[in-house]
Amino acid sequence: MKNVKALSIAALATLSLISFGSFAESISVTSSTLDGAESKIAAQAQEQGAQYKITEANTNNRVHMTAELYK
């Protein structure tokens, strides 16, 4: 039983170090066009030296777009 607890603690410690070493940030922008919204996301990603993945886009009267930035 002690071995299982020790292994679990070691695994959690390792996973916590991995998560601190990675980078992910969710951002949202608005614009009048899809291209304009994506351009804003691309500019923010470039400022932070990150890549992006668009996770949501909504077009009612204006475009609302959400993306995840990651390195």
C-alpha atoms as a PDB file:
ATOM      1  CA  MET A   1       0.000   0.000   0.000  1.00  0.00           C
ATOM      2  CA  LYS A   2       2.891   2.378   0.766  1.00  0.00           C
ATOM      3  CA  ASN A   3       4.319   1.739  -2.698  1.00  0.00           C
ATOM      4  CA  VAL A   4       1.030   2.703  -4.353  1.00  0.00           C
ATOM      5  CA  LYS A   5       0.817   5.942  -2.356  1.00  0.00           C
ATOM      6  CA  ALA A   6       4.448   6.779  -3.085  1.00  0.00           C
ATOM      7  CA  LEU A   7       3.930   6.089  -6.795  1.00  0.00           C
ATOM      8  CA  SER A   8       0.784   8.225  -6.853  1.00  0.00           C
ATOM      9  CA  ILE A   9       2.542  11.127  -5.157  1.00  0.00           C
ATOM     10  CA  ALA A  10       5.486  10.858  -7.548  1.00  0.00           C
ATOM     11  CA  ALA A  11       3.136  10.816 -10.547  1.00  0.00           C
ATOM     12  CA  LEU A  12       1.250  13.880  -9.319  1.00  0.00           C
ATOM     13  CA  ALA A  13       4.478  15.749  -8.697  1.00  0.00           C
ATOM     14  CA  THR A  14       5.697  14.960 -12.211  1.00  0.00           C
ATOM     15  CA  LEU A  15       2.419  16.035 -13.800  1.00  0.00           C
ATOM     16  CA  SER A  16       2.385  19.298 -11.880  1.00  0.00           C
ATOM     17  CA  LEU A  17       5.885  20.122 -13.139  1.00  0.00           C
ATOM     18  CA  ILE A  18       4.832  19.402 -16.706  1.00  0.00           C
ATOM     19  CA  SER A  19       1.814  21.692 -16.467  1.00  0.00           C
ATOM     20  CA  PHE A  20       3.924  24.559 -15.088  1.00  0.00           C
ATOM     21  CA  GLY A  21       6.337  24.194 -17.981  1.00  0.00           C
ATOM     22  CA  SER A  22       3.666  24.492 -20.669  1.00  0.00           C
ATOM     23  CA  PHE A  23       1.764  27.578 -21.780  1.00  0.00           C
ATOM     24  CA  ALA A  24      -1.892  27.901 -22.716  1.00  0.00           C
ATOM     25  CA  GLU A  25      -4.090  30.959 -22.699  1.00  0.00           C
ATOM     26  CA  SER A  26      -7.627  31.503 -23.914  1.00  0.00           C
ATOM     27  CA  ILE A  27      -8.333  34.799 -25.664  1.00  0.00           C
ATOM     28  CA  SER A  28     -11.475  36.347 -27.171  1.00  0.00           C
ATOM     29  CA  VAL A  29     -11.786  39.117 -29.744  1.00  0.00           C
ATOM     30  CA  THR A  30     -14.558  40.888 -31.648  1.00  0.00           C
ATOM     31  CA  SER A  31     -14.578  42.339 -35.134  1.00  0.00           C
ATOM     32  CA  SER A  32     -16.949  43.075 -37.994  1.00  0.00           C
ATOM     33  CA  THR A  33     -15.547  40.202 -40.127  1.00  0.00           C
ATOM     34  CA  LEU A  34     -14.150  36.710 -39.639  1.00  0.00           C
ATOM     35  CA  ASP A  35     -10.868  37.762 -41.250  1.00  0.00           C
ATOM     36  CA  GLY A  36     -10.616  40.763 -38.939  1.00  0.00           C
ATOM     37  CA  ALA A  37     -11.189  38.633 -35.839  1.00  0.00           C
ATOM     38  CA  GLU A  38      -8.608  36.064 -36.923  1.00  0.00           C
ATOM     39  CA  SER A  39      -6.122  38.845 -37.674  1.00  0.00           C
ATOM     40  CA  LYS A  40      -6.508  40.141 -34.114  1.00  0.00           C
ATOM     41  CA  ILE A  41      -5.930  36.651 -32.698  1.00  0.00           C
ATOM     42  CA  ALA A  42      -2.899  36.131 -34.946  1.00  0.00           C
ATOM     43  CA  ALA A  43      -1.435  39.464 -33.810  1.00  0.00           C
ATOM     44  CA  GLN A  44      -1.838  38.591 -30.126  1.00  0.00           C
ATOM     45  CA  ALA A  45      -0.281  35.169 -30.710  1.00  0.00           C
ATOM     46  CA  GLN A  46       2.664  36.731 -32.537  1.00  0.00           C
ATOM     47  CA  GLU A  47       3.226  39.241 -29.716  1.00  0.00           C
ATOM     48  CA  GLN A  48       3.529  36.348 -27.269  1.00  0.00           C
ATOM     49  CA  GLY A  49       5.557  34.108 -29.580  1.00  0.00           C
ATOM     50  CA  ALA A  50       2.760  31.531 -29.568  1.00  0.00           C
ATOM     51  CA  GLN A  51       0.644  29.584 -32.017  1.00  0.00           C
ATOM     52  CA  TYR A  52      -3.139  29.564 -31.899  1.00  0.00           C
ATOM     53  CA  LYS A  53      -6.106  27.299 -32.458  1.00  0.00           C
ATOM     54  CA  ILE A  54      -9.541  28.848 -32.973  1.00  0.00           C
ATOM     55  CA  THR A  55     -11.999  27.125 -30.654  1.00  0.00           C
ATOM     56  CA  GLU A  56     -15.174  29.144 -31.333  1.00  0.00           C
ATOM     57  CA  ALA A  57     -16.554  31.722 -33.739  1.00  0.00           C
ATOM     58  CA  ASN A  58     -19.984  33.321 -33.591  1.00  0.00           C
ATOM     59  CA  THR A  59     -21.444  35.686 -36.162  1.00  0.00           C
ATOM     60  CA  ASN A  60     -24.525  37.629 -35.155  1.00  0.00           C
ATOM     61  CA  ASN A  61     -24.235  41.370 -35.807  1.00  0.00           C
ATOM     62  CA  ARG A  62     -20.494  41.176 -35.111  1.00  0.00           C
ATOM     63  CA  VAL A  63     -17.960  38.370 -35.036  1.00  0.00           C
ATOM     64  CA  HIS A  64     -16.934  36.977 -31.639  1.00  0.00           C
ATOM     65  CA  MET A  65     -14.003  34.547 -31.805  1.00  0.00           C
ATOM     66  CA  THR A  66     -12.213  32.584 -29.100  1.00  0.00           C
ATOM     67  CA  ALA A  67      -8.851  30.845 -29.452  1.00  0.00           C
ATOM     68  CA  GLU A  68      -6.274  28.997 -27.373  1.00  0.00           C
ATOM     69  CA  LEU A  69      -2.712  30.289 -27.546  1.00  0.00           C
ATOM     70  CA  TYR A  70      -0.008  27.709 -26.962  1.00  0.00           C
ATOM     71  CA  LYS A  71       3.764  27.347 -27.189  1.00  0.00           C
END
